[in-house]
N, C-alpha and C. Protein backbone atom coordinates (compact mmCIF):
# COMPACT_ATOMS: atom_id res chain seq x y z
N MET A 1 -6.57 -12.58 6.19
CA MET A 1 -6.93 -12.11 7.52
C MET A 1 -8.32 -11.59 7.47
N ASP A 2 -9.06 -11.92 8.52
CA ASP A 2 -10.45 -11.45 8.62
C ASP A 2 -10.89 -11.57 10.06
N SER A 3 -11.88 -10.75 10.41
CA SER A 3 -12.43 -10.86 11.77
C SER A 3 -13.60 -11.83 11.81
N ASP A 4 -13.95 -12.36 10.64
CA ASP A 4 -14.99 -13.41 10.51
C ASP A 4 -14.31 -14.68 10.11
N ALA A 5 -14.22 -15.63 11.04
CA ALA A 5 -13.50 -16.87 10.78
C ALA A 5 -14.06 -17.63 9.57
N GLU A 6 -15.34 -17.51 9.32
CA GLU A 6 -15.95 -18.24 8.21
C GLU A 6 -15.59 -17.59 6.85
N ALA A 7 -15.16 -16.32 6.87
CA ALA A 7 -14.82 -15.63 5.63
C ALA A 7 -13.41 -15.98 5.15
N ILE A 8 -12.58 -16.43 6.04
CA ILE A 8 -11.19 -16.76 5.67
C ILE A 8 -11.19 -17.94 4.72
N GLY A 9 -10.64 -17.75 3.56
CA GLY A 9 -10.55 -18.80 2.56
C GLY A 9 -11.82 -19.03 1.77
N ARG A 10 -12.78 -18.16 1.91
CA ARG A 10 -14.06 -18.35 1.22
C ARG A 10 -13.92 -18.26 -0.29
N PHE A 11 -13.10 -17.30 -0.75
CA PHE A 11 -12.96 -17.09 -2.20
C PHE A 11 -11.60 -17.49 -2.76
N HIS A 12 -10.58 -17.56 -1.88
CA HIS A 12 -9.23 -17.89 -2.35
C HIS A 12 -8.59 -18.86 -1.37
N ALA A 13 -7.72 -19.71 -1.89
CA ALA A 13 -7.02 -20.63 -1.01
C ALA A 13 -6.14 -19.81 -0.06
N VAL A 14 -6.04 -20.27 1.19
CA VAL A 14 -5.27 -19.59 2.21
C VAL A 14 -4.22 -20.52 2.74
N THR A 15 -2.95 -20.09 2.75
CA THR A 15 -1.86 -20.87 3.29
C THR A 15 -1.78 -20.74 4.79
N VAL A 16 -1.85 -19.48 5.28
CA VAL A 16 -1.79 -19.20 6.70
C VAL A 16 -2.97 -18.34 7.09
N PRO A 17 -4.05 -18.94 7.60
CA PRO A 17 -5.18 -18.14 7.97
C PRO A 17 -4.91 -17.34 9.23
N VAL A 18 -5.33 -16.07 9.24
CA VAL A 18 -5.14 -15.22 10.41
C VAL A 18 -6.51 -14.68 10.78
N PHE A 19 -6.91 -14.98 12.00
CA PHE A 19 -8.20 -14.55 12.50
C PHE A 19 -7.94 -13.39 13.45
N GLY A 20 -8.51 -12.21 13.11
CA GLY A 20 -8.34 -11.06 13.99
C GLY A 20 -8.72 -9.79 13.30
N ASP A 21 -8.78 -8.73 14.13
CA ASP A 21 -9.03 -7.39 13.58
C ASP A 21 -7.83 -6.95 12.80
N ILE A 22 -8.01 -6.44 11.60
CA ILE A 22 -6.91 -6.08 10.71
C ILE A 22 -5.98 -5.06 11.31
N GLY A 23 -6.53 -4.01 11.96
CA GLY A 23 -5.71 -2.97 12.55
C GLY A 23 -4.87 -3.47 13.69
N VAL A 24 -5.49 -4.17 14.63
CA VAL A 24 -4.79 -4.68 15.82
C VAL A 24 -3.73 -5.69 15.39
N THR A 25 -4.12 -6.61 14.53
CA THR A 25 -3.18 -7.64 14.10
C THR A 25 -2.02 -7.07 13.31
N ALA A 26 -2.29 -6.14 12.41
CA ALA A 26 -1.20 -5.53 11.60
C ALA A 26 -0.23 -4.77 12.52
N ARG A 27 -0.73 -4.02 13.47
CA ARG A 27 0.16 -3.30 14.40
C ARG A 27 1.02 -4.33 15.23
N ARG A 28 0.43 -5.40 15.63
CA ARG A 28 1.18 -6.42 16.39
C ARG A 28 2.23 -7.09 15.53
N LEU A 29 1.88 -7.46 14.31
CA LEU A 29 2.85 -8.08 13.40
C LEU A 29 3.97 -7.10 13.08
N LEU A 30 3.64 -5.83 12.84
CA LEU A 30 4.65 -4.82 12.55
C LEU A 30 5.59 -4.63 13.73
N ALA A 31 5.07 -4.60 14.93
CA ALA A 31 5.90 -4.45 16.11
C ALA A 31 6.85 -5.62 16.30
N ASP A 32 6.40 -6.81 15.92
CA ASP A 32 7.21 -8.01 16.09
C ASP A 32 8.14 -8.27 14.90
N ALA A 33 8.07 -7.49 13.86
CA ALA A 33 8.80 -7.77 12.62
C ALA A 33 10.18 -7.12 12.57
N ASN A 34 10.65 -6.54 13.67
CA ASN A 34 11.98 -5.91 13.71
C ASN A 34 12.11 -4.78 12.69
N VAL A 35 11.01 -4.11 12.40
CA VAL A 35 11.07 -2.99 11.45
C VAL A 35 11.96 -1.92 12.03
N GLY A 36 12.86 -1.40 11.19
CA GLY A 36 13.78 -0.38 11.62
C GLY A 36 15.10 -0.95 12.08
N ARG A 37 15.15 -2.22 12.39
CA ARG A 37 16.39 -2.86 12.81
C ARG A 37 16.98 -3.73 11.73
N VAL A 38 16.27 -3.87 10.65
CA VAL A 38 16.75 -4.69 9.54
C VAL A 38 17.60 -3.82 8.62
N GLN A 39 18.78 -4.30 8.27
CA GLN A 39 19.67 -3.56 7.36
C GLN A 39 19.26 -3.83 5.93
N THR A 40 18.90 -2.78 5.22
CA THR A 40 18.48 -2.91 3.82
C THR A 40 19.22 -1.90 2.97
N ILE A 41 19.18 -2.09 1.66
CA ILE A 41 19.76 -1.17 0.73
C ILE A 41 18.63 -0.48 -0.01
N ASP A 42 18.65 0.85 -0.06
CA ASP A 42 17.60 1.59 -0.75
C ASP A 42 17.78 1.40 -2.25
N GLN A 43 16.85 0.73 -2.86
CA GLN A 43 16.93 0.40 -4.28
C GLN A 43 15.94 1.20 -5.11
N ARG A 44 15.31 2.23 -4.53
CA ARG A 44 14.29 2.97 -5.25
C ARG A 44 14.82 3.64 -6.51
N ASP A 45 16.03 4.23 -6.44
CA ASP A 45 16.59 4.89 -7.63
C ASP A 45 16.86 3.90 -8.75
N ASP A 46 17.41 2.72 -8.38
CA ASP A 46 17.66 1.68 -9.36
C ASP A 46 16.36 1.20 -10.00
N VAL A 47 15.36 0.98 -9.21
CA VAL A 47 14.05 0.54 -9.72
C VAL A 47 13.47 1.62 -10.63
N ALA A 48 13.57 2.88 -10.23
CA ALA A 48 13.03 3.97 -11.07
C ALA A 48 13.76 4.03 -12.43
N SER A 49 15.08 3.88 -12.42
CA SER A 49 15.81 3.90 -13.71
C SER A 49 15.46 2.73 -14.57
N ARG A 50 15.28 1.57 -13.95
CA ARG A 50 14.86 0.40 -14.75
C ARG A 50 13.45 0.55 -15.29
N CYS A 51 12.57 1.22 -14.54
CA CYS A 51 11.25 1.50 -15.02
C CYS A 51 11.28 2.42 -16.23
N GLU A 52 12.16 3.41 -16.21
CA GLU A 52 12.31 4.34 -17.35
C GLU A 52 12.76 3.57 -18.58
N ILE A 53 13.74 2.66 -18.39
CA ILE A 53 14.27 1.86 -19.50
C ILE A 53 13.14 0.99 -20.05
N TRP A 54 12.37 0.30 -19.14
CA TRP A 54 11.30 -0.56 -19.57
C TRP A 54 10.22 0.22 -20.29
N ASP A 55 9.87 1.41 -19.77
CA ASP A 55 8.86 2.24 -20.42
C ASP A 55 9.28 2.60 -21.84
N ALA A 56 10.54 3.00 -22.02
CA ALA A 56 11.03 3.36 -23.37
C ALA A 56 10.98 2.16 -24.29
N GLU A 57 11.43 1.00 -23.81
CA GLU A 57 11.42 -0.22 -24.64
C GLU A 57 9.96 -0.62 -24.96
N GLU A 58 9.08 -0.50 -23.97
CA GLU A 58 7.68 -0.86 -24.18
C GLU A 58 7.01 0.08 -25.19
N LYS A 59 7.34 1.37 -25.13
CA LYS A 59 6.79 2.31 -26.09
C LYS A 59 7.25 2.03 -27.49
N ARG A 60 8.56 1.64 -27.64
CA ARG A 60 9.06 1.28 -28.98
C ARG A 60 8.35 0.02 -29.50
N ARG A 61 8.19 -0.96 -28.60
CA ARG A 61 7.52 -2.19 -29.00
C ARG A 61 6.07 -1.94 -29.45
N ARG A 62 5.36 -1.14 -28.63
CA ARG A 62 3.98 -0.84 -28.95
C ARG A 62 3.86 -0.01 -30.22
N ALA A 63 4.82 0.87 -30.47
CA ALA A 63 4.77 1.68 -31.68
C ALA A 63 4.89 0.87 -32.95
N ALA A 64 5.55 -0.31 -32.82
CA ALA A 64 5.75 -1.16 -33.99
C ALA A 64 4.63 -2.19 -34.15
N ASP A 65 3.80 -2.37 -33.11
CA ASP A 65 2.78 -3.43 -33.13
C ASP A 65 1.46 -2.88 -33.67
N ASP A 66 1.13 -3.26 -34.89
CA ASP A 66 -0.10 -2.75 -35.52
C ASP A 66 -1.27 -3.75 -35.46
N HIS A 67 -1.04 -4.92 -34.78
CA HIS A 67 -2.09 -5.93 -34.68
C HIS A 67 -2.64 -6.34 -36.04
N GLY A 68 -1.81 -6.19 -37.07
CA GLY A 68 -2.25 -6.56 -38.42
C GLY A 68 -3.22 -5.59 -39.07
N LEU A 69 -3.39 -4.41 -38.48
CA LEU A 69 -4.34 -3.41 -39.02
C LEU A 69 -3.65 -2.30 -39.81
N GLY A 70 -2.31 -2.31 -39.84
CA GLY A 70 -1.60 -1.33 -40.63
C GLY A 70 -1.23 -0.07 -39.87
N VAL A 71 -1.84 0.22 -38.74
CA VAL A 71 -1.50 1.38 -37.93
C VAL A 71 -1.42 0.94 -36.50
N ALA A 72 -0.28 1.21 -35.87
CA ALA A 72 -0.14 0.86 -34.43
C ALA A 72 -0.90 1.88 -33.59
N SER A 73 -1.51 1.43 -32.52
CA SER A 73 -2.28 2.34 -31.68
C SER A 73 -1.46 3.29 -30.87
N ALA A 74 -0.25 2.89 -30.46
CA ALA A 74 0.59 3.77 -29.61
C ALA A 74 0.93 5.07 -30.32
N PRO A 75 1.44 5.05 -31.56
CA PRO A 75 1.73 6.34 -32.19
C PRO A 75 0.47 7.13 -32.52
N LEU A 76 -0.62 6.44 -32.75
CA LEU A 76 -1.90 7.12 -32.98
C LEU A 76 -2.31 7.89 -31.72
N PHE A 77 -2.18 7.24 -30.56
CA PHE A 77 -2.47 7.94 -29.30
C PHE A 77 -1.55 9.11 -29.08
N ALA A 78 -0.27 8.95 -29.45
CA ALA A 78 0.70 10.04 -29.28
C ALA A 78 0.28 11.26 -30.12
N VAL A 79 -0.11 11.03 -31.35
CA VAL A 79 -0.55 12.11 -32.21
C VAL A 79 -1.83 12.75 -31.69
N LEU A 80 -2.78 11.89 -31.27
CA LEU A 80 -4.04 12.42 -30.72
C LEU A 80 -3.78 13.26 -29.49
N ALA A 81 -2.82 12.83 -28.64
CA ALA A 81 -2.50 13.58 -27.42
C ALA A 81 -1.93 14.94 -27.74
N GLN A 82 -1.22 15.06 -28.85
CA GLN A 82 -0.64 16.35 -29.24
C GLN A 82 -1.70 17.33 -29.71
N HIS A 83 -2.84 16.83 -30.17
CA HIS A 83 -3.85 17.69 -30.79
C HIS A 83 -5.13 17.75 -29.98
N THR A 84 -5.12 17.29 -28.72
CA THR A 84 -6.34 17.37 -27.91
C THR A 84 -6.01 18.09 -26.61
N PRO A 85 -7.01 18.63 -25.93
CA PRO A 85 -6.77 19.30 -24.66
C PRO A 85 -6.13 18.35 -23.64
N LYS A 86 -5.35 18.89 -22.73
CA LYS A 86 -4.57 18.06 -21.80
C LYS A 86 -5.36 17.00 -21.08
N HIS A 87 -6.54 17.32 -20.60
CA HIS A 87 -7.32 16.37 -19.78
C HIS A 87 -8.48 15.75 -20.55
N ALA A 88 -8.45 15.78 -21.85
CA ALA A 88 -9.59 15.32 -22.65
C ALA A 88 -9.89 13.83 -22.48
N GLY A 89 -8.86 13.00 -22.35
CA GLY A 89 -9.09 11.56 -22.27
C GLY A 89 -9.16 11.01 -20.87
N GLU A 90 -9.02 11.82 -19.88
CA GLU A 90 -8.95 11.30 -18.49
C GLU A 90 -10.23 10.65 -18.05
N SER A 91 -11.36 11.04 -18.61
CA SER A 91 -12.60 10.42 -18.18
C SER A 91 -12.81 9.05 -18.83
N ARG A 92 -12.02 8.71 -19.79
CA ARG A 92 -12.14 7.42 -20.47
C ARG A 92 -11.16 6.41 -19.87
N SER A 93 -11.61 5.17 -19.71
CA SER A 93 -10.71 4.13 -19.24
C SER A 93 -9.82 3.72 -20.43
N THR A 94 -8.77 2.95 -20.11
CA THR A 94 -7.87 2.47 -21.15
C THR A 94 -8.61 1.61 -22.16
N SER A 95 -9.53 0.76 -21.67
CA SER A 95 -10.28 -0.09 -22.60
C SER A 95 -11.20 0.74 -23.50
N GLU A 96 -11.77 1.81 -22.95
CA GLU A 96 -12.61 2.68 -23.78
C GLU A 96 -11.75 3.37 -24.83
N GLN A 97 -10.56 3.83 -24.44
CA GLN A 97 -9.66 4.47 -25.41
C GLN A 97 -9.27 3.47 -26.50
N HIS A 98 -8.98 2.23 -26.09
CA HIS A 98 -8.60 1.22 -27.06
C HIS A 98 -9.74 0.95 -28.06
N LEU A 99 -10.98 0.86 -27.57
CA LEU A 99 -12.10 0.66 -28.45
C LEU A 99 -12.30 1.83 -29.39
N LEU A 100 -12.08 3.05 -28.88
CA LEU A 100 -12.20 4.25 -29.70
C LEU A 100 -11.16 4.19 -30.85
N VAL A 101 -9.92 3.85 -30.53
CA VAL A 101 -8.90 3.77 -31.57
C VAL A 101 -9.26 2.69 -32.58
N ARG A 102 -9.75 1.53 -32.11
CA ARG A 102 -10.11 0.48 -33.06
C ARG A 102 -11.23 0.97 -33.98
N ALA A 103 -12.16 1.71 -33.45
CA ALA A 103 -13.25 2.24 -34.30
C ALA A 103 -12.70 3.21 -35.33
N ILE A 104 -11.78 4.07 -34.90
CA ILE A 104 -11.14 5.02 -35.85
C ILE A 104 -10.40 4.27 -36.92
N LEU A 105 -9.68 3.22 -36.54
CA LEU A 105 -8.90 2.44 -37.53
C LEU A 105 -9.84 1.75 -38.51
N ARG A 106 -10.99 1.22 -38.02
CA ARG A 106 -11.94 0.60 -38.94
C ARG A 106 -12.49 1.61 -39.95
N LEU A 107 -12.76 2.83 -39.48
CA LEU A 107 -13.25 3.86 -40.38
C LEU A 107 -12.19 4.28 -41.39
N ALA A 108 -10.93 4.21 -40.99
CA ALA A 108 -9.86 4.65 -41.87
C ALA A 108 -9.46 3.59 -42.90
N ARG A 109 -9.86 2.34 -42.68
CA ARG A 109 -9.50 1.26 -43.60
C ARG A 109 -10.25 1.40 -44.92
N PRO A 110 -9.60 1.13 -46.01
CA PRO A 110 -10.30 1.20 -47.27
C PRO A 110 -11.40 0.13 -47.35
N VAL A 111 -12.51 0.50 -47.93
CA VAL A 111 -13.62 -0.43 -48.10
C VAL A 111 -13.37 -1.27 -49.32
N SER A 112 -13.48 -2.56 -49.18
CA SER A 112 -13.25 -3.44 -50.33
C SER A 112 -14.54 -3.48 -51.16
N THR A 113 -14.33 -3.48 -52.44
CA THR A 113 -15.48 -3.56 -53.36
C THR A 113 -15.56 -4.93 -53.96
N TYR A 114 -16.75 -5.36 -54.23
CA TYR A 114 -16.99 -6.72 -54.79
C TYR A 114 -17.32 -6.61 -56.22
């Protein structure tokens, strides 16, 4: 959807192009969509419990994955989190944190002698 007809489909393929102001068009579509009259089942609790299960399984998987370096990054982050101030890492992105851990792991690896 766009208010500029030439912009529709410029960067991505479009199946159903919609030309119009986003606010006006969205309100019109919402009004015509029978919102509030559709019978649904609230599945938020089920989704939340499944997310908890997935998170626990993902943490176990990550804790075992050392990428061939001998130390998995997930438990290393867990230990670092226990010994650093609560908001210490918030200014770093996930990729920056990953690079920091890789650098720490490289420093911790024994140096091979020739």
